[in-house]
Amino acid sequence: MPSMKPIKLLLTALLVIASTSAPALESDTREKVEIKADKSKADLPNGTIVYSGRVRISQGTLLINADELRVEATDNKDVKVLVATGTPATYQQMMENGKLAEAEAGEIRYSLQDRILTLSHNAEMRQSGSLVKGDTIQYDLDQQKLLAESSGDEQITTIFLPADADLKPEPEPKPEPEQAPVEPKQGEQQP
């Protein structure tokens, strides 16, 4: 029978990660969605708009930067999904606990209605010193549920810090001051 120790260790790690996570700021959902880009191309009958070049999406503390953004709308023209692509596309948002969550991936898909963030293609998510990496990461901003998956022979990577870890960087040692060579005074001889 296999040992329960690895399972207990994994469960402990997952609980620590979950405890450092928090829901995204509720106030962000009441903020306007603002999109800035170099260019946009709209296909209004099909409910899509494509933005390209230095794309920046913001909604409250949520910020996504990308090379391209595809906006998909419902039949009644409400924005449904934002799909950002880049090398990489990046995401950041303040959580209710006051900590910043950050992520990056080749593609970031954000569903405004259900507030689910899906990172694909070299996905990475960081918060409070913890890290999750995989081919795909799906994160429910409200329910705090995370699913990470790998592809092929790759595995997901999870790094976490214990809840009581000190996140302050070690101070760098100060270099000793260099002593300038002492010039002999006029009339003195050098040894």
Protein backbone atom coordinates (compact mmCIF):
# COMPACT_ATOMS: atom_id res chain seq x y z
CA MET A 1 0.00 0.00 0.00
CA PRO A 2 1.45 3.43 -0.95
CA SER A 3 2.48 5.82 1.79
CA MET A 4 0.02 8.58 2.78
CA LYS A 5 2.88 11.01 3.46
CA PRO A 6 3.13 12.37 -0.15
CA ILE A 7 -0.65 12.85 -0.26
CA LYS A 8 -0.66 14.72 3.06
CA LEU A 9 2.24 16.90 1.86
CA LEU A 10 0.38 17.72 -1.36
CA LEU A 11 -2.81 18.58 0.54
CA THR A 12 -0.84 20.82 2.90
CA ALA A 13 0.75 22.60 -0.07
CA LEU A 14 -2.63 23.15 -1.72
CA LEU A 15 -4.13 24.50 1.51
CA VAL A 16 -1.26 26.97 1.89
CA ILE A 17 -1.76 28.18 -1.69
CA ALA A 18 -5.49 28.52 -1.15
CA SER A 19 -4.95 30.45 2.07
CA THR A 20 -2.77 33.02 0.30
CA SER A 21 -5.37 33.51 -2.41
CA ALA A 22 -8.29 35.85 -2.04
CA PRO A 23 -11.14 36.90 -4.26
CA ALA A 24 -10.58 39.81 -6.61
CA LEU A 25 -11.82 43.20 -5.50
CA GLU A 26 -15.62 43.21 -5.73
CA SER A 27 -15.54 46.93 -6.55
CA ASP A 28 -13.71 46.15 -9.83
CA THR A 29 -16.90 44.62 -11.27
CA ARG A 30 -18.66 47.98 -11.01
CA GLU A 31 -15.92 49.83 -12.90
CA LYS A 32 -15.94 50.53 -16.63
CA VAL A 33 -13.82 48.39 -18.96
CA GLU A 34 -11.33 50.61 -20.80
CA ILE A 35 -9.33 49.40 -23.82
CA LYS A 36 -6.42 51.27 -25.39
CA ALA A 37 -4.57 50.13 -28.52
CA ASP A 38 -2.82 51.38 -31.66
CA LYS A 39 -5.51 50.01 -33.99
CA SER A 40 -8.98 48.44 -33.92
CA LYS A 41 -11.06 46.54 -36.47
CA ALA A 42 -14.76 45.91 -35.80
CA ASP A 43 -17.08 43.28 -37.28
CA LEU A 44 -20.29 44.52 -35.67
CA PRO A 45 -22.73 42.06 -37.32
CA ASN A 46 -20.72 39.18 -35.80
CA GLY A 47 -20.12 40.96 -32.50
CA THR A 48 -16.31 41.04 -32.59
CA ILE A 49 -13.71 43.76 -32.36
CA VAL A 50 -9.97 43.12 -32.71
CA TYR A 51 -7.50 45.57 -31.15
CA SER A 52 -3.79 45.39 -31.98
CA GLY A 53 -0.56 47.07 -31.00
CA ARG A 54 0.28 47.90 -27.37
CA VAL A 55 -3.13 46.81 -26.11
CA ARG A 56 -4.03 47.75 -22.52
CA ILE A 57 -7.29 46.66 -20.85
CA SER A 58 -8.29 47.98 -17.44
CA GLN A 59 -11.29 47.55 -15.14
CA GLY A 60 -10.69 48.95 -11.66
CA THR A 61 -7.46 47.33 -10.44
CA LEU A 62 -7.55 44.67 -13.20
CA LEU A 63 -4.93 45.35 -15.88
CA ILE A 64 -4.15 43.23 -18.96
CA ASN A 65 -1.39 44.08 -21.45
CA ALA A 66 -1.19 42.28 -24.80
CA ASP A 67 -0.12 42.46 -28.43
CA GLU A 68 -3.68 41.77 -29.62
CA LEU A 69 -7.13 41.64 -28.06
CA ARG A 70 -10.28 40.05 -29.44
CA VAL A 71 -13.55 41.23 -27.88
CA GLU A 72 -16.54 38.93 -28.29
CA ALA A 73 -20.02 40.29 -27.58
CA THR A 74 -23.43 38.70 -27.05
CA ASP A 75 -26.34 39.21 -29.46
CA ASN A 76 -27.46 42.24 -27.43
CA LYS A 77 -23.94 43.74 -27.78
CA ASP A 78 -22.82 43.19 -24.17
CA VAL A 79 -19.12 42.36 -23.93
CA LYS A 80 -18.85 38.67 -23.10
CA VAL A 81 -15.22 37.60 -23.44
CA LEU A 82 -11.84 39.30 -23.84
CA VAL A 83 -9.09 37.18 -25.44
CA ALA A 84 -5.63 38.75 -25.16
CA THR A 85 -2.57 37.30 -26.89
CA GLY A 86 1.05 38.30 -26.58
CA THR A 87 4.62 37.24 -26.01
CA PRO A 88 3.51 37.05 -23.27
CA ALA A 89 0.22 38.74 -22.46
CA THR A 90 0.18 39.86 -18.80
CA TYR A 91 -2.50 40.22 -16.13
CA GLN A 92 -2.54 41.81 -12.69
CA GLN A 93 -5.28 42.58 -10.18
CA MET A 94 -5.53 43.56 -6.53
CA MET A 95 -7.21 40.94 -4.36
CA GLU A 96 -9.54 41.58 -1.41
CA ASN A 97 -6.66 40.73 0.96
CA GLY A 98 -4.69 43.69 -0.43
CA LYS A 99 -2.17 41.50 -2.27
CA LEU A 100 -1.45 41.69 -5.97
CA ALA A 101 -2.10 38.65 -8.19
CA GLU A 102 -0.05 38.54 -11.39
CA ALA A 103 -0.11 36.21 -14.38
CA GLU A 104 1.32 35.79 -17.85
CA ALA A 105 0.68 33.47 -20.79
CA GLY A 106 0.59 33.34 -24.57
CA GLU A 107 -3.19 33.75 -24.31
CA ILE A 108 -5.32 35.24 -21.53
CA ARG A 109 -9.07 34.72 -21.79
CA TYR A 110 -11.23 36.73 -19.39
CA SER A 111 -14.96 36.08 -19.17
CA LEU A 112 -16.62 39.21 -17.79
CA GLN A 113 -19.88 37.50 -16.92
CA ASP A 114 -18.56 34.64 -14.77
CA ARG A 115 -15.17 36.31 -13.97
CA ILE A 116 -13.08 33.32 -14.99
CA LEU A 117 -9.51 33.89 -16.14
CA THR A 118 -8.02 31.20 -18.41
CA LEU A 119 -4.29 31.32 -19.16
CA SER A 120 -3.01 29.16 -22.02
CA HIS A 121 0.39 28.44 -23.59
CA ASN A 122 3.17 28.74 -21.02
CA ALA A 123 0.91 29.98 -18.24
CA GLU A 124 2.22 31.31 -14.95
CA MET A 125 0.35 32.79 -11.97
CA ARG A 126 1.96 34.44 -8.91
CA GLN A 127 0.65 35.79 -5.61
CA SER A 128 2.35 36.42 -2.26
CA GLY A 129 5.50 34.55 -3.25
CA SER A 130 3.58 31.47 -4.44
CA LEU A 131 3.71 30.33 -8.06
CA VAL A 132 1.76 27.97 -10.33
CA LYS A 133 3.07 27.14 -13.83
CA GLY A 134 1.54 24.92 -16.49
CA ASP A 135 0.32 24.85 -20.06
CA THR A 136 -3.16 25.98 -18.95
CA ILE A 137 -4.35 27.62 -15.74
CA GLN A 138 -7.99 28.43 -15.09
CA TYR A 139 -8.81 30.68 -12.14
CA ASP A 140 -12.28 31.64 -10.90
CA LEU A 141 -11.75 35.13 -9.45
CA ASP A 142 -14.82 34.98 -7.22
CA GLN A 143 -14.81 31.35 -6.05
CA GLN A 144 -10.98 31.18 -5.70
CA LYS A 145 -10.84 27.91 -7.59
CA LEU A 146 -7.74 27.13 -9.60
CA LEU A 147 -7.14 24.34 -12.11
CA ALA A 148 -3.67 23.90 -13.64
CA GLU A 149 -2.97 21.40 -16.43
CA SER A 150 0.07 20.39 -18.42
CA SER A 151 0.46 19.06 -21.92
CA GLY A 152 2.60 16.34 -23.41
CA ASP A 153 5.44 15.22 -21.14
CA GLU A 154 5.49 18.49 -19.21
CA GLN A 155 4.21 18.69 -15.66
CA ILE A 156 2.74 21.59 -13.74
CA THR A 157 4.98 23.33 -11.21
CA THR A 158 3.76 24.69 -7.90
CA ILE A 159 5.98 26.67 -5.56
CA PHE A 160 4.61 27.95 -2.30
CA LEU A 161 5.92 29.72 0.74
CA PRO A 162 4.76 28.74 4.20
CA ALA A 163 2.19 31.14 5.62
CA ASP A 164 4.69 32.45 8.19
CA ALA A 165 7.54 32.96 5.69
CA ASP A 166 9.26 36.32 5.79
CA LEU A 167 8.98 37.78 2.28
CA LYS A 168 11.45 40.61 2.95
CA PRO A 169 14.61 40.27 0.87
CA GLU A 170 17.88 39.79 2.69
CA PRO A 171 19.83 43.05 2.87
CA GLU A 172 22.84 43.05 0.59
CA PRO A 173 26.18 43.33 2.37
CA LYS A 174 27.69 46.78 2.07
CA PRO A 175 30.98 46.82 0.19
CA GLU A 176 33.94 47.92 2.22
CA PRO A 177 35.07 51.41 1.24
CA GLU A 178 38.15 51.41 -0.92
CA GLN A 179 41.10 53.14 0.62
CA ALA A 180 42.76 55.64 -1.65
CA PRO A 181 46.54 55.39 -1.78
CA VAL A 182 48.14 57.86 0.59
CA GLU A 183 50.29 60.36 -1.23
CA PRO A 184 53.48 61.27 0.60
CA LYS A 185 53.63 64.85 1.82
CA GLN A 186 56.09 67.13 0.22
CA GLY A 187 59.52 66.48 1.56
CA GLU A 188 58.68 62.97 2.86
CA GLN A 189 60.27 59.94 1.37
CA GLN A 190 58.37 56.86 0.36
CA PRO A 191 59.24 53.64 2.21
